[in-house]
Amino acid sequence: MTVTPHATEAAGAFTAVARPPVNKPPRRRSTSTVVLTAVSVIVGLGFVLPAVWIFIGSFRPNLEILTTMSPLSWHLIIPSELTLENYSRLLFDSGFARALLNSFIVCIASVALGLAMSAMAAYALAVFHFPGRNLIFAVIVISFMVPFEAIAIPLAQQFTDWGLGNTMVGLILPGLGNGLAIFNLRQYFLGIPQSYREAAMLDGASEPRILFSLYARLSGPALTNSALLIFLGQWTAFLWPLLIVSDNSLQLAPVALASTFGEHAADYGQNFAGTIVLTLVPAISIFVLQRFFGRLSIESGEK
């Protein structure tokens, strides 16, 4: 009987399929991997435990917070009693609720106005070609590299001379010109093809309409990132409201939280509760917007 080449190939294929898999011996983890994993866990616990202690301490009676630290035991992170007294005293007795509302007002106004100003500045730097454009952009880049503390005192003196001390306007204005937000938006606008703008201009659209109806709609991730930058900058501001505001009714939450520490006494329960509240707001914001945060265009510009 003659065996055809096709039959030989089919038999070889069947043998290859029917061949049982070869069990490879499992790889053993090296000693260095185990040591590095253990070190990473220990370092991670070193960062997490203080945060856990503050969170649990915000629900402890005030007198129990420091007494559980010596000697060290499980009572440090396992409270014997849970109470909301620290939060109730913080929000209703110390005026922290009003300061928290002031912080929300300042942050919302700063994000709305600052995002519009940053978008207009970024659009001008990305689209228009005029003498000194690169120099202006370089100054903007340098501006967010300079620590705010270096200019805070002379700026506060200038605001006081203008009559903006103890006003909401004085609290909002420094947060509007955010150089990092302008840089962020400008880089994103450079990735939008110029043909889109040219087509809109042929349809009779003005520059403001092109910016807010075309570029803004295509720049959702960049606008979200910039809004978060402005919001976090104003939400965590401490030095500026401390310098520009002396009226307690206008004070912001970080400064109001610092008042829980007096010259001769400190209310750790209220301080821990305020810390949790101030941390929770940006944490929730970043968690909700995390799918947009960092999603910038890969292109740096159109060639």
Protein backbone atom coordinates (compact mmCIF):
# COMPACT_ATOMS: atom_id res chain seq x y z
CA MET A 1 0.00 0.00 0.00
CA THR A 2 1.33 3.41 -0.97
CA VAL A 3 1.35 6.11 1.71
CA THR A 4 0.70 9.57 0.31
CA PRO A 5 2.53 12.64 1.60
CA HIS A 6 -0.79 14.12 2.77
CA ALA A 7 -1.46 11.07 4.94
CA THR A 8 2.03 11.32 6.48
CA GLU A 9 1.46 15.01 7.32
CA ALA A 10 -1.95 14.25 8.85
CA ALA A 11 -0.49 11.49 10.99
CA GLY A 12 2.31 13.78 12.15
CA ALA A 13 -0.18 16.50 13.05
CA PHE A 14 -2.33 14.03 15.00
CA THR A 15 0.72 12.80 16.89
CA ALA A 16 1.68 16.39 17.73
CA VAL A 17 -1.81 17.11 19.01
CA ALA A 18 -2.14 13.91 20.97
CA ARG A 19 1.27 14.25 22.60
CA PRO A 20 0.77 14.94 26.34
CA PRO A 21 2.09 18.27 27.61
CA VAL A 22 5.40 18.28 29.36
CA ASN A 23 5.09 19.44 32.97
CA LYS A 24 7.86 21.85 33.72
CA PRO A 25 9.04 22.02 37.29
CA PRO A 26 7.80 25.18 39.03
CA ARG A 27 10.34 27.93 39.40
CA ARG A 28 11.48 28.63 42.91
CA ARG A 29 11.46 32.18 44.06
CA SER A 30 14.90 33.46 44.72
CA THR A 31 15.89 34.59 48.18
CA SER A 32 16.38 38.15 46.99
CA THR A 33 12.75 38.32 45.74
CA VAL A 34 11.43 37.16 49.11
CA VAL A 35 13.62 39.66 50.97
CA LEU A 36 12.58 42.56 48.72
CA THR A 37 8.91 41.63 49.13
CA ALA A 38 9.25 41.56 52.89
CA VAL A 39 11.04 44.92 52.93
CA SER A 40 8.33 46.44 50.69
CA VAL A 41 5.60 45.21 53.03
CA ILE A 42 7.38 46.63 56.09
CA VAL A 43 7.96 50.00 54.40
CA GLY A 44 4.34 50.06 53.22
CA LEU A 45 3.09 49.39 56.75
CA GLY A 46 5.31 52.21 57.99
CA PHE A 47 3.44 54.63 55.72
CA VAL A 48 -0.04 53.18 56.28
CA LEU A 49 -0.07 52.77 60.07
CA PRO A 50 0.11 56.52 60.92
CA ALA A 51 -2.83 57.17 58.59
CA VAL A 52 -4.79 54.31 60.18
CA TRP A 53 -3.96 55.66 63.64
CA ILE A 54 -5.24 59.14 62.70
CA PHE A 55 -8.42 57.68 61.18
CA ILE A 56 -9.17 55.55 64.23
CA GLY A 57 -8.14 58.38 66.57
CA SER A 58 -10.81 60.60 65.03
CA PHE A 59 -13.43 58.22 66.49
CA ARG A 60 -11.77 57.83 69.92
CA PRO A 61 -12.52 59.87 73.01
CA ASN A 62 -10.00 62.70 73.18
CA LEU A 63 -8.43 61.50 76.43
CA GLU A 64 -7.81 58.02 75.06
CA ILE A 65 -5.77 59.04 72.00
CA LEU A 66 -2.40 59.57 73.68
CA THR A 67 -2.84 57.12 76.57
CA THR A 68 -2.85 54.16 74.15
CA MET A 69 0.60 55.03 72.80
CA SER A 70 2.51 53.85 75.84
CA PRO A 71 3.07 50.98 76.15
CA LEU A 72 2.55 49.98 72.52
CA SER A 73 -0.17 47.38 72.09
CA TRP A 74 -3.09 46.46 69.86
CA HIS A 75 -5.13 49.13 71.62
CA LEU A 76 -3.22 51.66 69.51
CA ILE A 77 -5.30 50.72 66.47
CA ILE A 78 -8.23 48.92 68.14
CA PRO A 79 -10.28 51.45 70.12
CA SER A 80 -12.20 50.46 73.21
CA GLU A 81 -14.96 52.93 72.34
CA LEU A 82 -16.15 54.58 69.13
CA THR A 83 -17.72 58.01 69.21
CA LEU A 84 -18.65 60.82 66.81
CA GLU A 85 -18.07 63.48 69.45
CA ASN A 86 -14.91 64.76 67.77
CA TYR A 87 -16.74 65.37 64.48
CA SER A 88 -19.75 66.99 66.14
CA ARG A 89 -17.61 69.35 68.23
CA LEU A 90 -15.46 70.18 65.21
CA LEU A 91 -18.36 71.01 62.90
CA PHE A 92 -20.78 72.66 65.31
CA ASP A 93 -18.74 74.10 68.18
CA SER A 94 -15.48 75.33 66.66
CA GLY A 95 -16.75 77.07 63.52
CA PHE A 96 -15.00 74.57 61.25
CA ALA A 97 -18.19 74.05 59.22
CA ARG A 98 -18.20 77.71 58.13
CA ALA A 99 -14.51 77.51 57.23
CA LEU A 100 -15.22 74.36 55.23
CA LEU A 101 -17.98 76.19 53.34
CA ASN A 102 -15.58 79.07 52.63
CA SER A 103 -13.06 76.61 51.22
CA PHE A 104 -15.69 75.13 48.91
CA ILE A 105 -16.72 78.60 47.69
CA VAL A 106 -13.11 79.61 47.03
CA CYS A 107 -12.29 76.33 45.27
CA ILE A 108 -15.38 76.33 43.04
CA ALA A 109 -14.88 79.97 42.03
CA SER A 110 -11.16 79.40 41.43
CA VAL A 111 -11.79 76.33 39.27
CA ALA A 112 -14.49 78.03 37.17
CA LEU A 113 -12.62 81.29 36.59
CA GLY A 114 -9.11 79.82 36.57
CA LEU A 115 -10.02 77.11 34.05
CA ALA A 116 -11.53 79.68 31.66
CA MET A 117 -8.48 81.95 31.96
CA SER A 118 -6.04 79.06 31.57
CA ALA A 119 -7.88 77.76 28.50
CA MET A 120 -7.83 81.20 26.83
CA ALA A 121 -4.12 81.67 27.57
CA ALA A 122 -3.28 78.16 26.37
CA TYR A 123 -5.32 78.66 23.19
CA ALA A 124 -3.47 81.88 22.39
CA LEU A 125 -0.08 80.25 22.97
CA ALA A 126 -0.95 77.15 20.95
CA VAL A 127 -2.77 78.65 17.96
CA PHE A 128 -1.58 82.20 17.34
CA HIS A 129 1.91 83.03 16.08
CA PHE A 130 3.12 86.38 17.39
CA PRO A 131 6.49 87.86 18.40
CA GLY A 132 7.54 86.83 21.90
CA ARG A 133 5.25 83.82 22.12
CA ASN A 134 8.02 81.45 23.16
CA LEU A 135 9.32 83.95 25.69
CA ILE A 136 5.87 84.30 27.29
CA PHE A 137 5.53 80.53 27.42
CA ALA A 138 8.96 80.23 29.06
CA VAL A 139 7.94 82.76 31.73
CA ILE A 140 4.77 80.75 32.41
CA VAL A 141 6.78 77.54 32.76
CA ILE A 142 9.20 79.25 35.17
CA SER A 143 6.29 80.71 37.16
CA PHE A 144 5.04 77.35 38.43
CA MET A 145 8.58 76.31 39.35
CA VAL A 146 8.96 79.22 41.79
CA PRO A 147 7.69 78.31 45.29
CA PHE A 148 4.67 80.40 46.24
CA GLU A 149 6.20 80.99 49.67
CA ALA A 150 8.92 83.08 48.00
CA ILE A 151 6.43 85.69 46.80
CA ALA A 152 3.63 85.28 49.37
CA ILE A 153 4.64 88.07 51.76
CA PRO A 154 5.21 90.86 49.17
CA LEU A 155 2.06 89.73 47.34
CA ALA A 156 0.05 89.90 50.57
CA GLN A 157 1.36 93.42 51.20
CA GLN A 158 0.31 94.43 47.68
CA PHE A 159 -3.16 92.97 48.17
CA THR A 160 -3.52 94.81 51.47
CA ASP A 161 -2.59 98.09 49.76
CA TRP A 162 -5.28 97.41 47.16
CA GLY A 163 -7.89 96.87 49.87
CA LEU A 164 -8.31 93.15 49.12
CA GLY A 165 -7.47 91.96 52.63
CA ASN A 166 -10.25 90.08 54.43
CA THR A 167 -12.19 89.57 51.19
CA MET A 168 -13.17 86.52 49.14
CA VAL A 169 -11.67 88.20 46.08
CA GLY A 170 -8.30 88.33 47.82
CA LEU A 171 -8.52 84.60 48.54
CA ILE A 172 -9.54 83.65 45.01
CA LEU A 173 -7.29 85.80 42.80
CA PRO A 174 -3.89 84.09 43.43
CA GLY A 175 -5.34 80.73 42.43
CA LEU A 176 -6.54 81.88 39.01
CA GLY A 177 -3.20 82.21 37.23
CA ASN A 178 -2.04 78.60 37.41
CA GLY A 179 1.01 78.18 35.18
CA LEU A 180 0.90 74.38 35.31
CA ALA A 181 -2.72 74.36 34.12
CA ILE A 182 -1.81 76.65 31.20
CA PHE A 183 1.13 74.42 30.30
CA ASN A 184 -1.09 71.34 30.52
CA LEU A 185 -3.79 72.76 28.26
CA ARG A 186 -1.37 74.31 25.78
CA GLN A 187 0.37 70.97 25.20
CA TYR A 188 -2.98 69.31 24.61
CA PHE A 189 -4.19 72.04 22.23
CA LEU A 190 -1.04 71.57 20.15
CA GLY A 191 -2.15 68.01 19.44
CA ILE A 192 -5.45 69.15 17.87
CA PRO A 193 -5.04 69.46 14.07
CA GLN A 194 -5.11 73.00 12.72
CA SER A 195 -7.46 71.82 9.98
CA TYR A 196 -10.29 71.65 12.55
CA ARG A 197 -9.86 75.33 13.35
CA GLU A 198 -9.59 76.26 9.66
CA ALA A 199 -12.81 74.38 8.90
CA ALA A 200 -14.59 76.17 11.74
CA MET A 201 -13.35 79.54 10.51
CA LEU A 202 -14.68 78.76 7.02
CA ASP A 203 -18.08 78.16 8.62
CA GLY A 204 -17.92 81.63 10.15
CA ALA A 205 -17.04 80.67 13.75
CA SER A 206 -15.28 83.28 15.88
CA GLU A 207 -12.19 82.56 17.97
CA PRO A 208 -14.11 82.32 21.28
CA ARG A 209 -16.59 79.92 19.72
CA ILE A 210 -13.76 77.80 18.29
CA LEU A 211 -12.15 77.66 21.71
CA PHE A 212 -15.20 76.77 23.78
CA SER A 213 -17.18 74.77 21.20
CA LEU A 214 -14.34 72.89 19.49
CA TYR A 215 -11.11 72.84 21.50
CA ALA A 216 -12.81 72.57 24.89
CA ARG A 217 -14.99 69.67 23.73
CA LEU A 218 -11.97 67.81 22.40
CA SER A 219 -9.92 68.46 25.56
CA GLY A 220 -11.98 66.79 28.29
CA PRO A 221 -9.03 64.94 29.91
CA ALA A 222 -6.79 68.01 29.90
CA LEU A 223 -9.54 70.22 31.33
CA THR A 224 -10.20 67.65 34.06
CA ASN A 225 -6.51 67.48 34.98
CA SER A 226 -6.21 71.26 35.07
CA ALA A 227 -9.36 71.61 37.16
CA LEU A 228 -7.94 69.15 39.68
CA LEU A 229 -4.65 71.05 39.81
CA ILE A 230 -6.42 74.34 40.56
CA PHE A 231 -8.80 72.71 43.06
CA LEU A 232 -6.05 70.94 45.02
CA GLY A 233 -3.92 74.08 45.08
CA GLN A 234 -6.73 76.12 46.66
CA TRP A 235 -8.05 73.34 48.91
CA THR A 236 -4.68 72.80 50.59
CA ALA A 237 -3.69 76.49 50.74
CA PHE A 238 -2.53 77.49 54.21
CA LEU A 239 0.02 80.30 54.04
CA TRP A 240 -1.97 82.63 51.78
CA PRO A 241 -5.25 82.66 53.77
CA LEU A 242 -3.19 82.98 56.94
CA LEU A 243 -1.56 86.15 55.56
CA ILE A 244 -4.50 87.80 53.80
CA VAL A 245 -7.40 87.03 56.17
CA SER A 246 -7.69 87.92 59.85
CA ASP A 247 -11.49 87.71 60.08
CA ASN A 248 -12.51 84.30 61.44
CA SER A 249 -15.73 84.34 59.43
CA LEU A 250 -13.69 84.31 56.19
CA GLN A 251 -11.03 81.85 57.25
CA LEU A 252 -10.46 78.67 55.24
CA ALA A 253 -10.55 75.12 56.54
CA PRO A 254 -6.78 74.38 56.80
CA VAL A 255 -6.21 77.49 58.93
CA ALA A 256 -9.31 76.78 61.03
CA LEU A 257 -8.02 73.26 61.61
CA ALA A 258 -4.71 74.63 62.89
CA SER A 259 -6.64 76.54 65.59
CA THR A 260 -7.38 73.21 67.32
CA PHE A 261 -3.81 73.46 68.66
CA GLY A 262 -3.54 76.18 71.26
CA GLU A 263 -0.60 77.60 73.17
CA HIS A 264 -1.15 75.44 76.24
CA ALA A 265 -3.48 72.67 75.02
CA ALA A 266 -4.30 70.67 71.91
CA ASP A 267 -7.48 68.90 70.92
CA TYR A 268 -6.14 65.88 69.06
CA GLY A 269 -9.59 64.40 68.51
CA GLN A 270 -10.86 67.45 66.64
CA ASN A 271 -7.58 67.76 64.75
CA PHE A 272 -7.72 64.15 63.59
CA ALA A 273 -11.38 64.53 62.57
CA GLY A 274 -10.58 67.68 60.59
CA THR A 275 -7.64 65.97 58.91
CA ILE A 276 -9.89 63.14 57.76
CA VAL A 277 -12.48 65.59 56.40
CA LEU A 278 -9.88 67.65 54.52
CA THR A 279 -8.29 64.50 53.09
CA LEU A 280 -11.55 62.85 52.11
CA VAL A 281 -12.70 65.59 49.71
CA PRO A 282 -9.69 65.52 47.31
CA ALA A 283 -9.42 61.73 47.66
CA ILE A 284 -13.01 61.28 46.48
CA SER A 285 -12.49 63.81 43.68
CA ILE A 286 -9.41 62.01 42.37
CA PHE A 287 -11.10 58.60 42.73
CA VAL A 288 -14.13 59.72 40.71
CA LEU A 289 -12.03 61.43 38.02
CA GLN A 290 -9.14 58.95 37.96
CA ARG A 291 -10.00 57.68 34.47
CA PHE A 292 -9.37 61.19 33.12
CA PHE A 293 -6.38 62.07 35.31
CA GLY A 294 -3.16 61.70 33.33
CA ARG A 295 -4.83 60.88 30.01
CA LEU A 296 -3.03 63.43 27.90
CA SER A 297 -2.37 63.37 24.20
CA ILE A 298 0.70 61.44 23.18
CA GLU A 299 1.48 63.96 20.50
CA SER A 300 3.34 67.07 21.57
CA GLY A 301 2.22 69.06 18.54
CA GLU A 302 1.22 68.97 14.91
CA LYS A 303 4.03 68.97 12.36
